[in-house]
Amino acid sequence: MQNIKQEVNGNILTLTVDLSERHGKSKSGKTIRVASSEGSKKIEGTNIVFGLNVYEINEIKKEGV
């Protein structure tokens, strides 16, 4: 996982993401990756999976605007 910390306390899953981190642009260049589970991840000791992607919109300024 990239920039995601997971913690399970009883029946509560807490995911923590540092919103100040950046991990490169998407292929299209429209977004910048902040965090990713990089696919579905199983929560240890359960049959539950989660997937998470956090992105920032890359505001590209057009010439002449």
PDB file of N, CA and C in Angstrom:
ATOM      1  N   MET A   1       0.852  -1.179   0.000  1.00  0.00           N
ATOM      2  CA  MET A   1       0.000   0.000   0.000  1.00  0.00           C
ATOM      3  C   MET A   1       0.887   1.229   0.000  1.00  0.00           C
ATOM      4  N   GLN A   2       0.368   2.280  -0.558  1.00  0.00           N
ATOM      5  CA  GLN A   2       1.113   3.516  -0.685  1.00  0.00           C
ATOM      6  C   GLN A   2       0.421   4.613   0.123  1.00  0.00           C
ATOM      7  N   ASN A   3       1.083   5.057   1.211  1.00  0.00           N
ATOM      8  CA  ASN A   3       0.596   6.157   2.040  1.00  0.00           C
ATOM      9  C   ASN A   3      -0.744   5.848   2.724  1.00  0.00           C
ATOM     10  N   ILE A   4      -0.977   4.597   3.086  1.00  0.00           N
ATOM     11  CA  ILE A   4      -2.185   4.218   3.826  1.00  0.00           C
ATOM     12  C   ILE A   4      -1.753   3.367   5.015  1.00  0.00           C
ATOM     13  N   LYS A   5      -2.194   3.760   6.201  1.00  0.00           N
ATOM     14  CA  LYS A   5      -1.973   2.944   7.390  1.00  0.00           C
ATOM     15  C   LYS A   5      -3.337   2.399   7.806  1.00  0.00           C
ATOM     16  N   GLN A   6      -3.391   1.115   8.106  1.00  0.00           N
ATOM     17  CA  GLN A   6      -4.657   0.521   8.542  1.00  0.00           C
ATOM     18  C   GLN A   6      -4.514  -0.001   9.958  1.00  0.00           C
ATOM     19  N   GLU A   7      -5.609   0.151  10.702  1.00  0.00           N
ATOM     20  CA  GLU A   7      -5.651  -0.324  12.075  1.00  0.00           C
ATOM     21  C   GLU A   7      -7.033  -0.902  12.328  1.00  0.00           C
ATOM     22  N   VAL A   8      -7.076  -2.087  12.931  1.00  0.00           N
ATOM     23  CA  VAL A   8      -8.345  -2.716  13.277  1.00  0.00           C
ATOM     24  C   VAL A   8      -8.419  -2.818  14.792  1.00  0.00           C
ATOM     25  N   ASN A   9      -9.473  -2.245  15.346  1.00  0.00           N
ATOM     26  CA  ASN A   9      -9.753  -2.344  16.784  1.00  0.00           C
ATOM     27  C   ASN A   9     -11.151  -2.923  16.920  1.00  0.00           C
ATOM     28  N   GLY A  10     -11.228  -4.202  17.306  1.00  0.00           N
ATOM     29  CA  GLY A  10     -12.535  -4.857  17.386  1.00  0.00           C
ATOM     30  C   GLY A  10     -13.141  -4.939  15.998  1.00  0.00           C
ATOM     31  N   ASN A  11     -14.304  -4.342  15.835  1.00  0.00           N
ATOM     32  CA  ASN A  11     -14.992  -4.337  14.537  1.00  0.00           C
ATOM     33  C   ASN A  11     -14.823  -3.040  13.772  1.00  0.00           C
ATOM     34  N   ILE A  12     -13.866  -2.204  14.175  1.00  0.00           N
ATOM     35  CA  ILE A  12     -13.670  -0.901  13.537  1.00  0.00           C
ATOM     36  C   ILE A  12     -12.357  -0.898  12.754  1.00  0.00           C
ATOM     37  N   LEU A  13     -12.455  -0.601  11.446  1.00  0.00           N
ATOM     38  CA  LEU A  13     -11.284  -0.431  10.587  1.00  0.00           C
ATOM     39  C   LEU A  13     -11.033   1.062  10.435  1.00  0.00           C
ATOM     40  N   THR A  14      -9.820   1.500  10.748  1.00  0.00           N
ATOM     41  CA  THR A  14      -9.442   2.894  10.579  1.00  0.00           C
ATOM     42  C   THR A  14      -8.314   2.964   9.557  1.00  0.00           C
ATOM     43  N   LEU A  15      -8.526   3.767   8.508  1.00  0.00           N
ATOM     44  CA  LEU A  15      -7.506   4.000   7.493  1.00  0.00           C
ATOM     45  C   LEU A  15      -7.007   5.427   7.647  1.00  0.00           C
ATOM     46  N   THR A  16      -5.686   5.596   7.645  1.00  0.00           N
ATOM     47  CA  THR A  16      -5.097   6.917   7.792  1.00  0.00           C
ATOM     48  C   THR A  16      -4.271   7.233   6.558  1.00  0.00           C
ATOM     49  N   VAL A  17      -4.521   8.415   5.970  1.00  0.00           N
ATOM     50  CA  VAL A  17      -3.811   8.878   4.787  1.00  0.00           C
ATOM     51  C   VAL A  17      -3.224  10.249   5.088  1.00  0.00           C
ATOM     52  N   ASP A  18      -1.932  10.425   4.794  1.00  0.00           N
ATOM     53  CA  ASP A  18      -1.294  11.730   4.930  1.00  0.00           C
ATOM     54  C   ASP A  18      -1.608  12.531   3.671  1.00  0.00           C
ATOM     55  N   LEU A  19      -2.487  13.505   3.788  1.00  0.00           N
ATOM     56  CA  LEU A  19      -2.955  14.278   2.635  1.00  0.00           C
ATOM     57  C   LEU A  19      -1.901  15.239   2.084  1.00  0.00           C
ATOM     58  N   SER A  20      -0.771  15.374   2.765  1.00  0.00           N
ATOM     59  CA  SER A  20       0.288  16.261   2.263  1.00  0.00           C
ATOM     60  C   SER A  20       1.212  15.543   1.270  1.00  0.00           C
ATOM     61  N   GLU A  21       1.128  14.216   1.182  1.00  0.00           N
ATOM     62  CA  GLU A  21       2.012  13.456   0.282  1.00  0.00           C
ATOM     63  C   GLU A  21       1.466  13.432  -1.138  1.00  0.00           C
ATOM     64  N   ARG A  22       2.383  13.354  -2.121  1.00  0.00           N
ATOM     65  CA  ARG A  22       2.034  13.207  -3.531  1.00  0.00           C
ATOM     66  C   ARG A  22       2.918  12.112  -4.121  1.00  0.00           C
ATOM     67  N   HIS A  23       2.331  11.278  -5.002  1.00  0.00           N
ATOM     68  CA  HIS A  23       3.061  10.134  -5.536  1.00  0.00           C
ATOM     69  C   HIS A  23       2.967  10.052  -7.058  1.00  0.00           C
ATOM     70  N   GLY A  24       3.017  11.185  -7.708  1.00  0.00           N
ATOM     71  CA  GLY A  24       3.076  11.217  -9.164  1.00  0.00           C
ATOM     72  C   GLY A  24       1.728  11.373  -9.846  1.00  0.00           C
ATOM     73  N   LYS A  25       1.804  11.805 -11.108  1.00  0.00           N
ATOM     74  CA  LYS A  25       0.607  12.034 -11.915  1.00  0.00           C
ATOM     75  C   LYS A  25       0.071  10.720 -12.480  1.00  0.00           C
ATOM     76  N   SER A  26      -1.229  10.732 -12.765  1.00  0.00           N
ATOM     77  CA  SER A  26      -1.847   9.608 -13.471  1.00  0.00           C
ATOM     78  C   SER A  26      -1.354   9.611 -14.913  1.00  0.00           C
ATOM     79  N   LYS A  27      -1.625   8.537 -15.641  1.00  0.00           N
ATOM     80  CA  LYS A  27      -1.205   8.463 -17.045  1.00  0.00           C
ATOM     81  C   LYS A  27      -1.772   9.612 -17.867  1.00  0.00           C
ATOM     82  N   SER A  28      -3.012   9.991 -17.598  1.00  0.00           N
ATOM     83  CA  SER A  28      -3.650  11.075 -18.354  1.00  0.00           C
ATOM     84  C   SER A  28      -3.166  12.452 -17.908  1.00  0.00           C
ATOM     85  N   GLY A  29      -2.583  12.519 -16.714  1.00  0.00           N
ATOM     86  CA  GLY A  29      -2.125  13.798 -16.184  1.00  0.00           C
ATOM     87  C   GLY A  29      -3.228  14.617 -15.530  1.00  0.00           C
ATOM     88  N   LYS A  30      -4.435  14.067 -15.464  1.00  0.00           N
ATOM     89  CA  LYS A  30      -5.569  14.808 -14.902  1.00  0.00           C
ATOM     90  C   LYS A  30      -5.598  14.774 -13.379  1.00  0.00           C
ATOM     91  N   THR A  31      -4.957  13.760 -12.783  1.00  0.00           N
ATOM     92  CA  THR A  31      -4.949  13.644 -11.328  1.00  0.00           C
ATOM     93  C   THR A  31      -3.544  13.349 -10.828  1.00  0.00           C
ATOM     94  N   ILE A  32      -3.336  13.608  -9.534  1.00  0.00           N
ATOM     95  CA  ILE A  32      -2.078  13.309  -8.869  1.00  0.00           C
ATOM     96  C   ILE A  32      -2.402  12.356  -7.722  1.00  0.00           C
ATOM     97  N   ARG A  33      -1.693  11.229  -7.652  1.00  0.00           N
ATOM     98  CA  ARG A  33      -1.973  10.217  -6.636  1.00  0.00           C
ATOM     99  C   ARG A  33      -1.503  10.686  -5.264  1.00  0.00           C
ATOM    100  N   VAL A  34      -2.392  10.591  -4.291  1.00  0.00           N
ATOM    101  CA  VAL A  34      -2.084  10.898  -2.894  1.00  0.00           C
ATOM    102  C   VAL A  34      -1.864   9.594  -2.121  1.00  0.00           C
ATOM    103  N   ALA A  35      -2.727   8.600  -2.366  1.00  0.00           N
ATOM    104  CA  ALA A  35      -2.616   7.309  -1.678  1.00  0.00           C
ATOM    105  C   ALA A  35      -3.332   6.249  -2.483  1.00  0.00           C
ATOM    106  N   SER A  36      -2.887   4.986  -2.333  1.00  0.00           N
ATOM    107  CA  SER A  36      -3.537   3.881  -3.022  1.00  0.00           C
ATOM    108  C   SER A  36      -3.296   2.578  -2.273  1.00  0.00           C
ATOM    109  N   SER A  37      -4.339   1.765  -2.218  1.00  0.00           N
ATOM    110  CA  SER A  37      -4.171   0.422  -1.665  1.00  0.00           C
ATOM    111  C   SER A  37      -3.538  -0.494  -2.712  1.00  0.00           C
ATOM    112  N   GLU A  38      -3.429  -0.009  -3.949  1.00  0.00           N
ATOM    113  CA  GLU A  38      -2.858  -0.767  -5.068  1.00  0.00           C
ATOM    114  C   GLU A  38      -3.601  -2.080  -5.271  1.00  0.00           C
ATOM    115  N   GLY A  39      -4.919  -1.950  -5.381  1.00  0.00           N
ATOM    116  CA  GLY A  39      -5.795  -3.108  -5.557  1.00  0.00           C
ATOM    117  C   GLY A  39      -6.518  -3.449  -4.266  1.00  0.00           C
ATOM    118  N   SER A  40      -7.263  -4.521  -4.311  1.00  0.00           N
ATOM    119  CA  SER A  40      -8.013  -4.954  -3.132  1.00  0.00           C
ATOM    120  C   SER A  40      -7.082  -5.600  -2.120  1.00  0.00           C
ATOM    121  N   LYS A  41      -7.253  -5.244  -0.848  1.00  0.00           N
ATOM    122  CA  LYS A  41      -6.439  -5.794   0.240  1.00  0.00           C
ATOM    123  C   LYS A  41      -7.339  -6.471   1.253  1.00  0.00           C
ATOM    124  N   LYS A  42      -6.973  -7.688   1.636  1.00  0.00           N
ATOM    125  CA  LYS A  42      -7.746  -8.439   2.621  1.00  0.00           C
ATOM    126  C   LYS A  42      -7.375  -7.961   4.024  1.00  0.00           C
ATOM    127  N   ILE A  43      -8.383  -7.819   4.862  1.00  0.00           N
ATOM    128  CA  ILE A  43      -8.156  -7.467   6.256  1.00  0.00           C
ATOM    129  C   ILE A  43      -7.842  -8.762   6.994  1.00  0.00           C
ATOM    130  N   GLU A  44      -6.662  -8.807   7.582  1.00  0.00           N
ATOM    131  CA  GLU A  44      -6.162 -10.028   8.220  1.00  0.00           C
ATOM    132  C   GLU A  44      -7.171 -10.588   9.222  1.00  0.00           C
ATOM    133  N   GLY A  45      -7.371 -11.906   9.139  1.00  0.00           N
ATOM    134  CA  GLY A  45      -8.265 -12.593  10.068  1.00  0.00           C
ATOM    135  C   GLY A  45      -9.728 -12.521   9.685  1.00  0.00           C
ATOM    136  N   THR A  46     -10.035 -11.943   8.505  1.00  0.00           N
ATOM    137  CA  THR A  46     -11.420 -11.829   8.045  1.00  0.00           C
ATOM    138  C   THR A  46     -11.508 -12.248   6.581  1.00  0.00           C
ATOM    139  N   ASN A  47     -12.723 -12.269   6.067  1.00  0.00           N
ATOM    140  CA  ASN A  47     -12.953 -12.464   4.632  1.00  0.00           C
ATOM    141  C   ASN A  47     -13.338 -11.143   3.976  1.00  0.00           C
ATOM    142  N   ILE A  48     -12.988 -10.037   4.608  1.00  0.00           N
ATOM    143  CA  ILE A  48     -13.338  -8.697   4.134  1.00  0.00           C
ATOM    144  C   ILE A  48     -12.149  -8.100   3.393  1.00  0.00           C
ATOM    145  N   VAL A  49     -12.452  -7.464   2.241  1.00  0.00           N
ATOM    146  CA  VAL A  49     -11.420  -6.767   1.471  1.00  0.00           C
ATOM    147  C   VAL A  49     -11.833  -5.314   1.278  1.00  0.00           C
ATOM    148  N   PHE A  50     -10.832  -4.458   1.047  1.00  0.00           N
ATOM    149  CA  PHE A  50     -11.124  -3.060   0.739  1.00  0.00           C
ATOM    150  C   PHE A  50     -10.174  -2.589  -0.344  1.00  0.00           C
ATOM    151  N   GLY A  51     -10.589  -1.545  -1.050  1.00  0.00           N
ATOM    152  CA  GLY A  51      -9.753  -0.877  -2.035  1.00  0.00           C
ATOM    153  C   GLY A  51      -9.922   0.613  -1.863  1.00  0.00           C
ATOM    154  N   LEU A  52      -8.818   1.352  -1.952  1.00  0.00           N
ATOM    155  CA  LEU A  52      -8.894   2.797  -1.735  1.00  0.00           C
ATOM    156  C   LEU A  52      -7.919   3.502  -2.668  1.00  0.00           C
ATOM    157  N   ASN A  53      -8.400   4.530  -3.338  1.00  0.00           N
ATOM    158  CA  ASN A  53      -7.563   5.426  -4.118  1.00  0.00           C
ATOM    159  C   ASN A  53      -7.915   6.853  -3.736  1.00  0.00           C
ATOM    160  N   VAL A  54      -6.895   7.652  -3.451  1.00  0.00           N
ATOM    161  CA  VAL A  54      -7.090   9.057  -3.100  1.00  0.00           C
ATOM    162  C   VAL A  54      -6.282   9.874  -4.099  1.00  0.00           C
ATOM    163  N   TYR A  55      -6.963  10.796  -4.791  1.00  0.00           N
ATOM    164  CA  TYR A  55      -6.328  11.604  -5.828  1.00  0.00           C
ATOM    165  C   TYR A  55      -6.596  13.078  -5.629  1.00  0.00           C
ATOM    166  N   GLU A  56      -5.691  13.898  -6.161  1.00  0.00           N
ATOM    167  CA  GLU A  56      -5.899  15.341  -6.238  1.00  0.00           C
ATOM    168  C   GLU A  56      -6.124  15.670  -7.708  1.00  0.00           C
ATOM    169  N   ILE A  57      -7.079  16.549  -7.983  1.00  0.00           N
ATOM    170  CA  ILE A  57      -7.311  16.984  -9.357  1.00  0.00           C
ATOM    171  C   ILE A  57      -6.170  17.905  -9.747  1.00  0.00           C
ATOM    172  N   ASN A  58      -5.517  17.585 -10.879  1.00  0.00           N
ATOM    173  CA  ASN A  58      -4.403  18.375 -11.375  1.00  0.00           C
ATOM    174  C   ASN A  58      -4.967  19.486 -12.237  1.00  0.00           C
ATOM    175  N   GLU A  59      -4.983  20.692 -11.713  1.00  0.00           N
ATOM    176  CA  GLU A  59      -5.558  21.817 -12.442  1.00  0.00           C
ATOM    177  C   GLU A  59      -4.544  22.339 -13.444  1.00  0.00           C
ATOM    178  N   ILE A  60      -4.745  21.953 -14.689  1.00  0.00           N
ATOM    179  CA  ILE A  60      -3.867  22.368 -15.776  1.00  0.00           C
ATOM    180  C   ILE A  60      -4.461  23.638 -16.385  1.00  0.00           C
ATOM    181  N   LYS A  61      -3.678  24.708 -16.392  1.00  0.00           N
ATOM    182  CA  LYS A  61      -4.164  25.968 -16.947  1.00  0.00           C
ATOM    183  C   LYS A  61      -3.892  25.987 -18.447  1.00  0.00           C
ATOM    184  N   LYS A  62      -4.937  26.298 -19.213  1.00  0.00           N
ATOM    185  CA  LYS A  62      -4.799  26.374 -20.652  1.00  0.00           C
ATOM    186  C   LYS A  62      -4.224  27.729 -21.045  1.00  0.00           C
ATOM    187  N   GLU A  63      -3.422  27.715 -22.117  1.00  0.00           N
ATOM    188  CA  GLU A  63      -2.848  28.973 -22.605  1.00  0.00           C
ATOM    189  C   GLU A  63      -3.955  29.894 -23.065  1.00  0.00           C
ATOM    190  N   GLY A  64      -3.804  31.175 -22.774  1.00  0.00           N
ATOM    191  CA  GLY A  64      -4.741  32.176 -23.232  1.00  0.00           C
ATOM    192  C   GLY A  64      -6.005  32.274 -22.407  1.00  0.00           C
ATOM    193  N   VAL A  65      -6.108  31.549 -21.317  1.00  0.00           N
ATOM    194  CA  VAL A  65      -7.321  31.610 -20.484  1.00  0.00           C
ATOM    195  C   VAL A  65      -7.015  32.369 -19.226  1.00  0.00           C
TER     196      VAL A  65
END
